[in-house]
Amino acid sequence: MILNLKISLPEDFSMLCELFQVDPEMIIQKFVNRVSFPFYYSRPDGNERWATLFFLNEIVEGSPQIQAELPLHEPFMDALAEVVFKYLDGGNKNVEKAETAGRKIMKKWHKQILAERKK
């Protein structure tokens, strides 16, 4: 999915980008690329989890509509954690398999939630 977004860049963010000579679009794209439940669950010690943690925090603090839907999501979140942790029981050598298994759960989750919303 490609979106053309128009966002306001806060002064603090803009200054940091200028100080470190970072293209704002590039850093925002890198952040978005790291929001991933399969990645998050399969790398429990990784520093790359910050983007997903931010996303999760926004869900918890989000709108009443999102909070009302959380019971629909919980079985899939539990299944995702379970399948990923199953692969990680053997150590970090199965990280890619854990992430792939997590993506399969995500696809089922996505399909069921969209079907539920159509009702």
C-alpha atoms as a PDB file:
ATOM      1  CA  MET A   1       0.000   0.000   0.000  1.00  0.00           C
ATOM      2  CA  ILE A   2       1.348   3.392  -0.940  1.00  0.00           C
ATOM      3  CA  LEU A   3      -0.047   6.545   0.632  1.00  0.00           C
ATOM      4  CA  ASN A   4       0.689  10.161  -0.065  1.00  0.00           C
ATOM      5  CA  LEU A   5       0.633  11.734   3.363  1.00  0.00           C
ATOM      6  CA  LYS A   6       0.701  15.320   4.388  1.00  0.00           C
ATOM      7  CA  ILE A   7       1.917  15.669   7.952  1.00  0.00           C
ATOM      8  CA  SER A   8       3.224  18.495  10.076  1.00  0.00           C
ATOM      9  CA  LEU A   9       6.733  17.927  11.310  1.00  0.00           C
ATOM     10  CA  PRO A  10       7.197  19.215  14.846  1.00  0.00           C
ATOM     11  CA  GLU A  11      10.090  21.565  15.404  1.00  0.00           C
ATOM     12  CA  ASP A  12      11.949  19.067  17.626  1.00  0.00           C
ATOM     13  CA  PHE A  13      11.775  16.358  14.947  1.00  0.00           C
ATOM     14  CA  SER A  14      12.787  18.776  12.199  1.00  0.00           C
ATOM     15  CA  MET A  15      15.757  20.039  14.202  1.00  0.00           C
ATOM     16  CA  LEU A  16      16.974  16.499  14.918  1.00  0.00           C
ATOM     17  CA  CYS A  17      16.731  15.624  11.238  1.00  0.00           C
ATOM     18  CA  GLU A  18      18.721  18.734  10.319  1.00  0.00           C
ATOM     19  CA  LEU A  19      21.311  18.189  13.055  1.00  0.00           C
ATOM     20  CA  PHE A  20      21.993  14.621  11.970  1.00  0.00           C
ATOM     21  CA  GLN A  21      21.417  15.284   8.259  1.00  0.00           C
ATOM     22  CA  VAL A  22      18.566  12.790   8.099  1.00  0.00           C
ATOM     23  CA  ASP A  23      15.874  12.953   5.441  1.00  0.00           C
ATOM     24  CA  PRO A  24      12.525  13.082   7.348  1.00  0.00           C
ATOM     25  CA  GLU A  25      10.776  10.869   4.772  1.00  0.00           C
ATOM     26  CA  MET A  26      13.511   8.249   5.038  1.00  0.00           C
ATOM     27  CA  ILE A  27      13.422   8.082   8.836  1.00  0.00           C
ATOM     28  CA  ILE A  28       9.612   7.938   8.927  1.00  0.00           C
ATOM     29  CA  GLN A  29       9.667   5.152   6.321  1.00  0.00           C
ATOM     30  CA  LYS A  30      12.238   3.203   8.348  1.00  0.00           C
ATOM     31  CA  PHE A  31      10.066   3.593  11.446  1.00  0.00           C
ATOM     32  CA  VAL A  32       6.961   2.361   9.625  1.00  0.00           C
ATOM     33  CA  ASN A  33       8.908  -0.587   8.196  1.00  0.00           C
ATOM     34  CA  ARG A  34       9.688  -1.754  11.726  1.00  0.00           C
ATOM     35  CA  VAL A  35       6.109  -1.877  13.005  1.00  0.00           C
ATOM     36  CA  SER A  36       5.527  -5.622  12.911  1.00  0.00           C
ATOM     37  CA  PHE A  37       4.001  -8.039  15.407  1.00  0.00           C
ATOM     38  CA  PRO A  38       5.794 -11.083  13.916  1.00  0.00           C
ATOM     39  CA  PHE A  39       9.114  -9.237  14.111  1.00  0.00           C
ATOM     40  CA  TYR A  40       8.290  -7.905  17.594  1.00  0.00           C
ATOM     41  CA  TYR A  41       7.410 -11.314  19.030  1.00  0.00           C
ATOM     42  CA  SER A  42      10.238 -13.220  17.330  1.00  0.00           C
ATOM     43  CA  ARG A  43      12.967 -10.913  18.639  1.00  0.00           C
ATOM     44  CA  PRO A  44      12.163 -10.422  22.330  1.00  0.00           C
ATOM     45  CA  ASP A  45      15.542  -8.842  23.081  1.00  0.00           C
ATOM     46  CA  GLY A  46      15.879  -6.709  19.957  1.00  0.00           C
ATOM     47  CA  ASN A  47      16.237  -2.944  19.964  1.00  0.00           C
ATOM     48  CA  GLU A  48      14.228  -2.901  16.727  1.00  0.00           C
ATOM     49  CA  ARG A  49      11.038  -3.383  18.741  1.00  0.00           C
ATOM     50  CA  TRP A  50      10.598   0.308  19.643  1.00  0.00           C
ATOM     51  CA  ALA A  51       8.375   1.144  16.654  1.00  0.00           C
ATOM     52  CA  THR A  52       5.955  -1.674  17.493  1.00  0.00           C
ATOM     53  CA  LEU A  53       5.982  -0.715  21.184  1.00  0.00           C
ATOM     54  CA  PHE A  54       4.978   2.808  20.185  1.00  0.00           C
ATOM     55  CA  PHE A  55       2.198   1.377  18.007  1.00  0.00           C
ATOM     56  CA  LEU A  56       0.964  -0.852  20.871  1.00  0.00           C
ATOM     57  CA  ASN A  57       0.995   2.062  23.286  1.00  0.00           C
ATOM     58  CA  GLU A  58      -1.146   4.097  20.897  1.00  0.00           C
ATOM     59  CA  ILE A  59      -3.642   1.208  20.667  1.00  0.00           C
ATOM     60  CA  VAL A  60      -3.907   0.946  24.441  1.00  0.00           C
ATOM     61  CA  GLU A  61      -4.277   4.703  24.782  1.00  0.00           C
ATOM     62  CA  GLY A  62      -6.338   4.921  21.581  1.00  0.00           C
ATOM     63  CA  SER A  63      -9.935   5.559  20.791  1.00  0.00           C
ATOM     64  CA  PRO A  64     -12.860   3.833  22.540  1.00  0.00           C
ATOM     65  CA  GLN A  65     -13.624   2.087  19.226  1.00  0.00           C
ATOM     66  CA  ILE A  66     -10.192   0.443  19.160  1.00  0.00           C
ATOM     67  CA  GLN A  67     -10.497  -0.545  22.806  1.00  0.00           C
ATOM     68  CA  ALA A  68     -13.965  -2.018  22.196  1.00  0.00           C
ATOM     69  CA  GLU A  69     -12.519  -4.224  19.428  1.00  0.00           C
ATOM     70  CA  LEU A  70      -9.644  -5.569  21.536  1.00  0.00           C
ATOM     71  CA  PRO A  71     -11.521  -8.761  22.545  1.00  0.00           C
ATOM     72  CA  LEU A  72     -11.735  -9.667  18.835  1.00  0.00           C
ATOM     73  CA  HIS A  73      -7.969  -9.299  18.530  1.00  0.00           C
ATOM     74  CA  GLU A  74      -6.868 -11.088  21.691  1.00  0.00           C
ATOM     75  CA  PRO A  75      -7.212 -14.689  20.401  1.00  0.00           C
ATOM     76  CA  PHE A  76      -4.998 -13.819  17.435  1.00  0.00           C
ATOM     77  CA  MET A  77      -2.456 -12.018  19.594  1.00  0.00           C
ATOM     78  CA  ASP A  78      -2.333 -15.078  21.858  1.00  0.00           C
ATOM     79  CA  ALA A  79      -1.965 -17.417  18.856  1.00  0.00           C
ATOM     80  CA  LEU A  80       0.783 -15.230  17.431  1.00  0.00           C
ATOM     81  CA  ALA A  81       2.717 -15.255  20.695  1.00  0.00           C
ATOM     82  CA  GLU A  82       2.224 -19.006  21.091  1.00  0.00           C
ATOM     83  CA  VAL A  83       3.441 -19.959  17.610  1.00  0.00           C
ATOM     84  CA  VAL A  84       6.418 -17.622  17.752  1.00  0.00           C
ATOM     85  CA  PHE A  85       7.488 -18.767  21.211  1.00  0.00           C
ATOM     86  CA  LYS A  86       7.187 -22.388  20.063  1.00  0.00           C
ATOM     87  CA  TYR A  87       9.838 -21.730  17.416  1.00  0.00           C
ATOM     88  CA  LEU A  88      12.013 -19.783  19.823  1.00  0.00           C
ATOM     89  CA  ASP A  89      12.083 -22.591  22.402  1.00  0.00           C
ATOM     90  CA  GLY A  90      15.040 -24.012  20.513  1.00  0.00           C
ATOM     91  CA  GLY A  91      16.902 -20.711  20.769  1.00  0.00           C
ATOM     92  CA  ASN A  92      17.440 -17.828  18.409  1.00  0.00           C
ATOM     93  CA  LYS A  93      18.414 -20.054  15.478  1.00  0.00           C
ATOM     94  CA  ASN A  94      14.736 -20.239  14.447  1.00  0.00           C
ATOM     95  CA  VAL A  95      14.021 -16.500  14.451  1.00  0.00           C
ATOM     96  CA  GLU A  96      13.177 -16.393  10.740  1.00  0.00           C
ATOM     97  CA  LYS A  97      10.865 -19.418  11.051  1.00  0.00           C
ATOM     98  CA  ALA A  98       9.170 -17.782  14.034  1.00  0.00           C
ATOM     99  CA  GLU A  99       8.642 -14.578  12.078  1.00  0.00           C
ATOM    100  CA  THR A 100       7.258 -16.476   9.060  1.00  0.00           C
ATOM    101  CA  ALA A 101       4.861 -18.443  11.283  1.00  0.00           C
ATOM    102  CA  GLY A 102       3.775 -15.165  12.866  1.00  0.00           C
ATOM    103  CA  ARG A 103       3.007 -13.686   9.458  1.00  0.00           C
ATOM    104  CA  LYS A 104       0.689 -16.613   8.699  1.00  0.00           C
ATOM    105  CA  ILE A 105      -1.264 -15.851  11.871  1.00  0.00           C
ATOM    106  CA  MET A 106      -1.353 -12.163  10.901  1.00  0.00           C
ATOM    107  CA  LYS A 107      -2.916 -13.001   7.519  1.00  0.00           C
ATOM    108  CA  LYS A 108      -5.654 -15.099   9.157  1.00  0.00           C
ATOM    109  CA  TRP A 109      -6.202 -12.364  11.740  1.00  0.00           C
ATOM    110  CA  HIS A 110      -6.459  -9.683   9.063  1.00  0.00           C
ATOM    111  CA  LYS A 111      -8.923 -11.689   6.991  1.00  0.00           C
ATOM    112  CA  GLN A 112     -11.192 -12.506   9.939  1.00  0.00           C
ATOM    113  CA  ILE A 113     -11.253  -8.978  11.379  1.00  0.00           C
ATOM    114  CA  LEU A 114     -12.095  -7.423   8.008  1.00  0.00           C
ATOM    115  CA  ALA A 115     -14.881  -9.967   7.508  1.00  0.00           C
ATOM    116  CA  GLU A 116     -16.190  -9.218  11.004  1.00  0.00           C
ATOM    117  CA  ARG A 117     -16.261  -5.472  10.295  1.00  0.00           C
ATOM    118  CA  LYS A 118     -18.302  -6.029   7.127  1.00  0.00           C
ATOM    119  CA  LYS A 119     -21.119  -7.597   9.188  1.00  0.00           C
END
